[in-house]
Protein backbone atom coordinates (compact mmCIF):
# COMPACT_ATOMS: atom_id res chain seq x y z
CA MET A 1 138.75 134.02 -43.00
CA LEU A 2 135.73 132.87 -41.57
CA ARG A 3 135.25 135.52 -38.85
CA ARG A 4 134.86 137.29 -42.21
CA LEU A 5 132.94 135.68 -44.09
CA LEU A 6 130.55 135.17 -40.95
CA ALA A 7 130.32 138.70 -40.83
CA ALA A 8 129.51 139.44 -44.72
CA THR A 9 126.50 136.55 -44.20
CA VAL A 10 125.56 138.95 -41.61
CA LEU A 11 125.51 141.68 -43.30
CA ALA A 12 123.87 140.35 -46.27
CA VAL A 13 120.98 139.08 -44.36
CA ALA A 14 120.57 142.10 -42.67
CA ALA A 15 120.63 143.85 -45.78
CA LEU A 16 117.82 142.20 -47.36
CA ALA A 17 116.05 142.48 -44.79
CA LEU A 18 116.34 145.81 -44.79
CA LEU A 19 115.25 146.07 -48.31
CA PHE A 20 112.45 143.85 -47.36
CA PHE A 21 110.80 146.06 -45.24
CA VAL A 22 111.14 149.12 -46.86
CA GLY A 23 109.44 148.30 -49.50
CA PRO A 24 106.44 149.41 -51.07
CA VAL A 25 103.26 149.10 -49.22
CA TYR A 26 99.71 149.82 -50.99
CA ARG A 27 98.23 152.27 -49.36
CA ILE A 28 94.75 153.68 -48.92
CA GLU A 29 93.65 157.53 -49.91
CA PRO A 30 90.61 158.57 -48.06
CA PRO A 31 87.18 159.67 -50.08
CA ALA A 32 88.86 163.49 -50.98
CA GLU A 33 84.55 164.69 -50.20
CA ARG A 34 81.41 162.87 -49.30
CA PRO A 35 79.30 162.67 -52.70
CA ALA A 36 77.14 165.44 -54.26
CA LEU A 37 73.41 164.21 -54.10
CA PRO A 38 70.53 165.91 -55.70
CA ALA A 39 70.00 169.34 -54.47
CA ASP A 40 66.46 168.34 -53.62
CA ALA A 41 66.09 166.35 -50.64
CA ALA A 42 62.72 165.55 -50.24
CA ASP A 43 62.63 164.41 -53.69
CA GLY A 44 63.12 160.76 -53.56
CA ALA A 45 62.49 160.20 -57.00
CA ALA A 46 65.44 161.91 -58.40
CA LEU A 47 67.44 160.69 -55.95
CA GLU A 48 66.59 157.41 -57.31
CA ARG A 49 67.23 158.84 -61.11
CA TRP A 50 70.29 160.03 -59.66
CA ILE A 51 71.42 156.88 -58.03
CA ALA A 52 70.44 154.73 -61.80
CA ALA A 53 72.11 157.13 -64.06
CA ARG A 54 75.34 156.60 -62.19
CA GLU A 55 74.57 152.67 -62.35
CA ALA A 56 74.09 153.32 -66.28
CA ALA A 57 77.67 153.97 -66.96
CA HIS A 58 78.46 150.68 -66.70
CA PRO A 59 76.42 148.18 -68.86
CA ASP A 60 77.83 145.37 -67.70
CA ILE A 61 76.14 145.29 -64.03
CA VAL A 62 74.43 141.74 -63.40
CA PRO A 63 70.82 142.69 -63.10
CA GLY A 64 69.78 142.74 -59.13
CA ALA A 65 73.10 143.76 -58.39
CA GLU A 66 72.51 147.45 -58.91
CA LYS A 67 72.54 149.81 -56.36
CA THR A 68 68.74 150.52 -55.19
CA ILE A 69 66.35 151.79 -52.87
CA VAL A 70 63.50 149.55 -51.98
CA TRP A 71 60.69 152.64 -49.81
CA ALA A 72 58.22 151.63 -47.25
CA HIS A 73 56.01 153.77 -48.95
CA ALA A 74 54.91 154.71 -52.23
CA ASP A 75 55.35 158.25 -52.17
CA ARG A 76 58.80 157.55 -51.13
CA ARG A 77 58.59 159.88 -48.32
CA ARG A 78 61.50 160.09 -45.74
CA THR A 79 61.27 157.42 -42.57
CA PRO A 80 62.43 158.01 -38.75
CA LEU A 81 64.85 155.30 -39.87
CA SER A 82 66.62 153.56 -43.25
CA ILE A 83 68.72 151.11 -43.38
CA ILE A 84 72.06 150.82 -45.91
CA TYR A 85 73.35 147.53 -46.79
CA LEU A 86 77.27 146.97 -47.07
CA HIS A 87 77.80 143.88 -48.83
CA GLY A 88 81.37 141.99 -48.42
CA TYR A 89 84.22 141.58 -51.16
CA SER A 90 82.93 139.43 -54.59
CA ALA A 91 79.41 139.59 -53.35
CA THR A 92 76.73 142.11 -54.10
CA ARG A 93 73.24 142.82 -52.40
CA GLN A 94 71.63 139.20 -52.87
CA GLU A 95 74.03 138.29 -50.22
CA ILE A 96 71.42 137.78 -46.95
CA ALA A 97 68.60 138.77 -48.72
CA PRO A 98 66.25 139.08 -48.30
CA PHE A 99 67.67 139.91 -44.65
CA CYS A 100 67.45 143.43 -45.01
CA ASP A 101 64.64 143.45 -46.65
CA LEU A 102 62.34 141.60 -43.92
CA LEU A 103 64.50 144.23 -41.40
CA ALA A 104 63.20 147.29 -43.22
CA ALA A 105 59.33 146.02 -43.31
CA ARG A 106 59.37 145.48 -39.38
CA LEU A 107 60.84 149.18 -38.84
CA GLY A 108 58.91 151.01 -41.35
CA ALA A 109 62.15 151.76 -42.92
CA ASN A 110 63.33 152.75 -46.35
CA LEU A 111 66.68 150.70 -47.36
CA PHE A 112 69.25 151.85 -49.36
CA TYR A 113 71.44 148.59 -51.30
CA THR A 114 74.74 149.71 -52.30
CA ARG A 115 77.16 147.79 -54.56
CA LEU A 116 80.51 148.25 -53.98
CA SER A 117 83.03 149.43 -56.64
CA GLY A 118 84.44 146.26 -59.08
CA HIS A 119 81.62 144.06 -57.57
CA GLY A 120 78.82 142.60 -59.44
CA ARG A 121 80.07 143.25 -63.28
CA ALA A 122 82.11 141.39 -65.17
CA PRO A 123 85.35 139.34 -63.03
CA ALA A 124 87.32 142.41 -64.91
CA ALA A 125 86.36 145.13 -63.11
CA MET A 126 87.32 144.48 -59.82
CA GLY A 127 90.90 144.91 -60.84
CA GLU A 128 90.31 148.28 -61.74
CA VAL A 129 89.50 149.14 -58.29
CA THR A 130 91.05 150.22 -55.34
CA GLY A 131 90.52 150.72 -51.76
CA GLY A 132 89.76 154.11 -51.62
CA ASP A 133 86.93 153.55 -53.68
CA TRP A 134 85.17 151.08 -51.30
CA LEU A 135 85.59 154.17 -48.63
CA GLN A 136 83.93 156.45 -51.33
CA ASP A 137 81.21 153.56 -51.64
CA ALA A 138 80.19 153.64 -47.70
CA SER A 139 80.12 157.36 -47.62
CA GLU A 140 78.46 158.01 -50.28
CA ALA A 141 75.75 154.76 -48.95
CA LEU A 142 75.68 156.76 -45.59
CA ALA A 143 74.84 160.33 -47.52
CA ILE A 144 71.89 158.48 -49.06
CA GLY A 145 70.98 156.87 -45.85
CA GLN A 146 70.70 160.18 -44.30
CA ARG A 147 68.92 161.39 -47.47
CA ILE A 148 66.40 158.90 -46.55
CA GLY A 149 65.79 158.50 -43.16
CA GLU A 150 66.02 160.59 -39.76
CA ARG A 151 69.02 158.07 -38.36
CA VAL A 152 70.69 155.24 -39.54
CA LEU A 153 71.18 151.75 -39.06
CA VAL A 154 74.13 150.01 -41.11
CA VAL A 155 74.05 146.51 -41.36
CA GLY A 156 77.30 144.91 -43.08
CA THR A 157 78.52 141.46 -43.90
CA SER A 158 82.44 140.24 -44.38
CA THR A 159 84.17 143.32 -45.93
CA GLY A 160 80.80 145.43 -45.00
CA GLY A 161 81.38 145.07 -41.79
CA THR A 162 85.14 146.19 -41.99
CA LEU A 163 83.70 149.28 -44.11
CA ALA A 164 80.92 149.75 -41.30
CA LEU A 165 83.43 150.09 -38.62
CA TRP A 166 85.28 152.47 -40.80
CA LEU A 167 82.02 154.44 -41.11
CA ALA A 168 81.29 154.53 -37.15
CA GLN A 169 84.32 156.54 -36.80
CA GLN A 170 83.74 159.60 -39.60
CA PRO A 171 82.39 162.25 -38.17
CA GLU A 172 79.01 161.63 -39.94
CA ALA A 173 78.56 158.72 -37.66
CA SER A 174 76.38 160.89 -35.71
CA SER A 175 73.53 160.40 -37.78
CA ILE A 176 74.12 156.19 -37.08
CA ALA A 177 71.52 154.40 -34.38
CA ALA A 178 73.51 151.47 -34.33
CA GLN A 179 75.16 148.84 -36.74
CA LEU A 180 74.97 145.37 -37.28
CA LEU A 181 78.35 143.22 -38.14
CA VAL A 182 78.10 140.24 -39.72
CA SER A 183 81.32 138.19 -40.17
CA PRO A 184 82.72 141.12 -39.98
CA ASN A 185 86.68 141.04 -42.05
CA LEU A 186 89.21 141.87 -39.53
CA GLY A 187 91.25 139.61 -41.22
CA PRO A 188 91.30 136.25 -43.54
CA LYS A 189 91.45 132.78 -42.18
CA ASP A 190 94.52 132.26 -43.78
CA PRO A 191 96.91 134.35 -42.08
CA ASN A 192 99.23 134.47 -44.27
CA ALA A 193 96.42 136.60 -46.54
CA ASP A 194 98.16 139.77 -43.91
CA LEU A 195 101.52 139.73 -46.11
CA LEU A 196 99.70 141.40 -49.34
CA ALA A 197 98.93 144.21 -46.62
CA GLY A 198 102.48 144.78 -45.94
CA PRO A 199 105.90 145.73 -47.58
CA TRP A 200 105.89 143.93 -51.21
CA GLY A 201 102.64 143.03 -51.12
CA ALA A 202 101.51 143.42 -54.51
CA ARG A 203 104.99 141.21 -56.14
CA LEU A 204 104.28 138.75 -53.10
CA GLN A 205 100.59 138.82 -54.96
CA GLN A 206 101.84 137.98 -58.34
CA TRP A 207 104.40 135.41 -57.12
CA PHE A 208 102.07 132.85 -54.58
CA ILE A 209 99.00 133.74 -56.00
CA GLY A 210 99.17 134.84 -59.55
CA GLU A 211 96.98 136.69 -62.48
CA GLU A 212 93.89 135.50 -61.35
CA HIS A 213 92.27 134.24 -58.26
CA ARG A 214 88.66 132.18 -58.57
CA TRP A 215 86.91 130.04 -55.89
CA GLN A 216 84.12 127.03 -56.34
CA PRO A 217 80.59 128.91 -56.10
CA ALA A 218 77.85 126.28 -54.64
CA ASN A 219 75.24 127.02 -56.08
CA PRO A 220 74.34 128.78 -59.44
CA GLU A 221 72.64 131.86 -57.95
CA GLN A 222 75.71 132.30 -56.16
CA ALA A 223 77.96 131.65 -59.15
CA LYS A 224 75.81 134.43 -60.70
CA PHE A 225 75.53 137.25 -57.88
CA TRP A 226 79.52 136.66 -56.16
CA THR A 227 82.56 137.18 -58.38
CA TRP A 228 84.24 134.04 -57.98
CA ARG A 229 87.16 134.52 -60.22
CA TYR A 230 88.77 138.24 -60.43
CA PRO A 231 92.19 139.72 -60.94
CA ALA A 232 94.51 138.61 -57.95
CA ARG A 233 95.66 141.79 -57.02
CA ALA A 234 91.91 143.60 -56.14
CA LEU A 235 92.94 141.15 -53.00
CA VAL A 236 95.93 143.92 -51.70
CA PRO A 237 93.40 146.69 -51.13
CA MET A 238 90.99 144.42 -49.24
CA MET A 239 94.18 143.33 -46.95
CA ALA A 240 94.84 146.93 -46.76
CA LEU A 241 91.67 148.12 -45.65
CA VAL A 242 91.46 145.44 -43.08
CA LYS A 243 94.80 146.59 -41.82
CA GLU A 244 93.61 149.94 -41.43
CA VAL A 245 90.67 149.24 -39.92
CA ARG A 246 91.86 146.69 -37.45
CA ALA A 247 94.84 149.25 -36.52
CA SER A 248 92.14 152.00 -36.15
CA PRO A 249 90.91 153.47 -32.28
CA LEU A 250 88.09 150.83 -32.64
CA GLU A 251 87.96 151.96 -28.72
CA GLN A 252 86.63 155.27 -29.76
CA ILE A 253 83.66 153.87 -31.49
CA ARG A 254 80.61 155.19 -30.05
CA VAL A 255 77.82 153.60 -32.63
CA PRO A 256 76.17 150.89 -30.67
CA THR A 257 77.01 147.70 -32.00
CA LEU A 258 75.79 143.95 -33.13
CA VAL A 259 78.34 141.60 -33.39
CA VAL A 260 76.66 138.32 -35.71
CA TYR A 261 79.18 135.29 -36.53
CA SER A 262 80.61 131.71 -35.91
CA PRO A 263 83.22 130.04 -34.32
CA LEU A 264 83.67 127.58 -37.39
CA ASP A 265 83.91 130.51 -40.08
CA GLN A 266 86.14 129.00 -42.96
CA VAL A 267 86.67 132.14 -44.75
CA VAL A 268 87.67 135.23 -42.36
CA SER A 269 88.90 135.04 -38.61
CA PRO A 270 86.83 134.27 -35.52
CA GLN A 271 90.02 135.16 -33.60
CA ARG A 272 89.91 138.04 -34.79
CA ILE A 273 86.19 139.30 -33.86
CA GLU A 274 86.11 138.38 -31.15
CA ASP A 275 89.91 140.12 -30.63
CA ALA A 276 87.98 143.50 -32.48
CA TYR A 277 85.00 142.93 -30.45
CA ALA A 278 86.88 143.13 -27.28
CA ARG A 279 88.59 146.61 -28.41
CA LEU A 280 84.85 148.04 -28.28
CA THR A 281 84.02 150.22 -25.36
CA MET A 282 80.53 151.81 -26.62
CA PRO A 283 77.63 150.72 -23.21
CA ALA A 284 75.18 149.01 -26.42
CA ARG A 285 77.41 145.96 -27.91
CA ARG A 286 76.78 142.49 -28.07
CA LEU A 287 78.94 139.75 -29.36
CA HIS A 288 76.25 136.73 -30.75
CA ARG A 289 77.93 133.23 -31.84
CA ALA A 290 75.30 131.96 -34.76
CA ALA A 291 74.38 128.30 -34.89
CA PRO A 292 76.00 126.65 -37.22
CA GLY A 293 74.45 126.84 -41.29
CA GLU A 294 73.58 125.62 -44.92
CA ASP A 295 76.68 127.61 -45.73
CA ARG A 296 79.41 125.08 -46.05
CA SER A 297 82.13 127.54 -45.19
CA GLN A 298 79.68 129.36 -42.21
CA HIS A 299 80.41 132.67 -42.60
CA VAL A 300 76.80 134.07 -44.49
CA LEU A 301 75.10 133.37 -42.14
CA ALA A 302 71.56 134.48 -43.49
CA GLY A 303 69.76 134.58 -47.22
CA ASP A 304 68.08 132.40 -49.40
CA ILE A 305 71.46 131.90 -51.59
CA LEU A 306 73.22 130.57 -48.82
CA ALA A 307 71.30 129.98 -45.05
CA PRO A 308 68.12 130.19 -45.53
CA SER A 309 67.36 128.67 -41.62
CA GLY A 310 69.45 131.26 -40.58
CA THR A 311 67.51 134.36 -41.83
CA ALA A 312 64.68 134.31 -39.21
CA PRO A 313 67.43 134.06 -36.00
CA LEU A 314 69.42 136.61 -37.31
CA LEU A 315 66.01 138.99 -37.76
CA ALA A 316 65.17 137.88 -33.99
CA GLU A 317 68.61 138.79 -32.70
CA MET A 318 68.86 142.59 -34.20
CA LEU A 319 64.89 143.40 -33.25
CA ALA A 320 65.95 142.29 -29.99
CA PHE A 321 69.23 144.41 -29.68
CA ILE A 322 67.83 147.57 -31.01
CA GLU A 323 64.79 147.04 -29.22
CA ALA A 324 66.97 146.96 -25.88
CA LEU A 325 68.29 150.78 -27.07
CA PRO A 326 67.66 154.01 -25.21
CA GLU A 327 64.59 155.29 -26.83
CA THR A 328 65.42 155.90 -30.78
CA PRO A 329 63.19 155.60 -34.06
CA ALA A 330 64.84 152.30 -34.00
CA SER A 331 64.16 150.57 -30.59
CA ALA A 332 60.54 152.68 -31.29
CA ALA A 333 59.72 150.39 -34.40
CA ALA A 334 61.32 147.17 -32.69
CA ARG A 335 58.98 146.85 -29.90
CA VAL A 336 57.16 144.37 -31.71
CA GLN A 337 57.84 140.55 -31.41
CA ALA A 338 60.42 139.49 -33.25
CA PRO A 339 59.90 136.68 -35.82
CA GLY A 340 60.82 133.20 -34.78
CA GLY A 341 63.67 132.36 -31.32
CA ALA A 342 66.90 133.58 -31.75
CA GLN A 343 69.35 130.41 -32.05
CA GLY A 344 73.30 130.82 -31.26
CA VAL A 345 74.63 132.16 -27.63
CA SER A 346 74.70 136.08 -27.25
CA VAL A 347 77.26 137.86 -25.55
CA ALA A 348 76.94 141.22 -23.90
CA ARG A 349 79.93 142.97 -22.23
């Protein structure tokens, strides 16, 4: 009798385990096609109007969060190098500002700031998007970068760094001169977050997180330019994106890559960053451990809002990295004295 009961229990546990592992998993659909930009490639004003018209479809965008181009010249001419900025999850283009403006000015480059779908709007908008939408945003940003510059420098913070790693594996990556990944999201600090990207992830989110996710902004500016409360279901596509990129063949990326992170990061896992970096094999790569800054989470490593003292060291580190690259529009433009001194530890491998 006891043996039959034990056998039945084992079978029941096995059945439950099987039911769990064959449960639904959130899948990211890749972009169907590249965005169709205005036909006249030389008309910068037309490109601006195209971007503005698409942003106008969302009247709730926070002023200062919208997609925009910062031109190096008044006539909106194409520059040898352009920069695109991919901001992090729940953030906007103000995340590490004015870092990209300063970098663009140093390099004489046009600069495009994107706005990831659902971001910089009313909180409910975060729950309306998919991981595929963010891939489309990244693809659009690269297409605009190619339109406004001969070669493209990609800067991505947190989940923007995740998207940059995805872009670096696409056919269009041949146009990317280099990439700077600031605190790239290869996995949140809390390892339990991985469950959201596994079987029954959406249901687990409902059970353990609830309908809304929120956190406390550090100051009024962060409260304005970050979405600090939003539908918790928005966490599922973010984690699916992280899992997909982490499992992708990072070893095949050929884009020169600078990774800047803090070993004290309380938002994403420093170990995951180090593990991903160890898989990179391109000759031009560098891992830089930033010195502690003002951001209480040690995640945002530059920018007036959270980490003002980190802007100059990050700028110096990036300029030094691209100056050391073989002759390209980026390295040629960077052959100037970098402002300030870089703080932290750089490890070239």
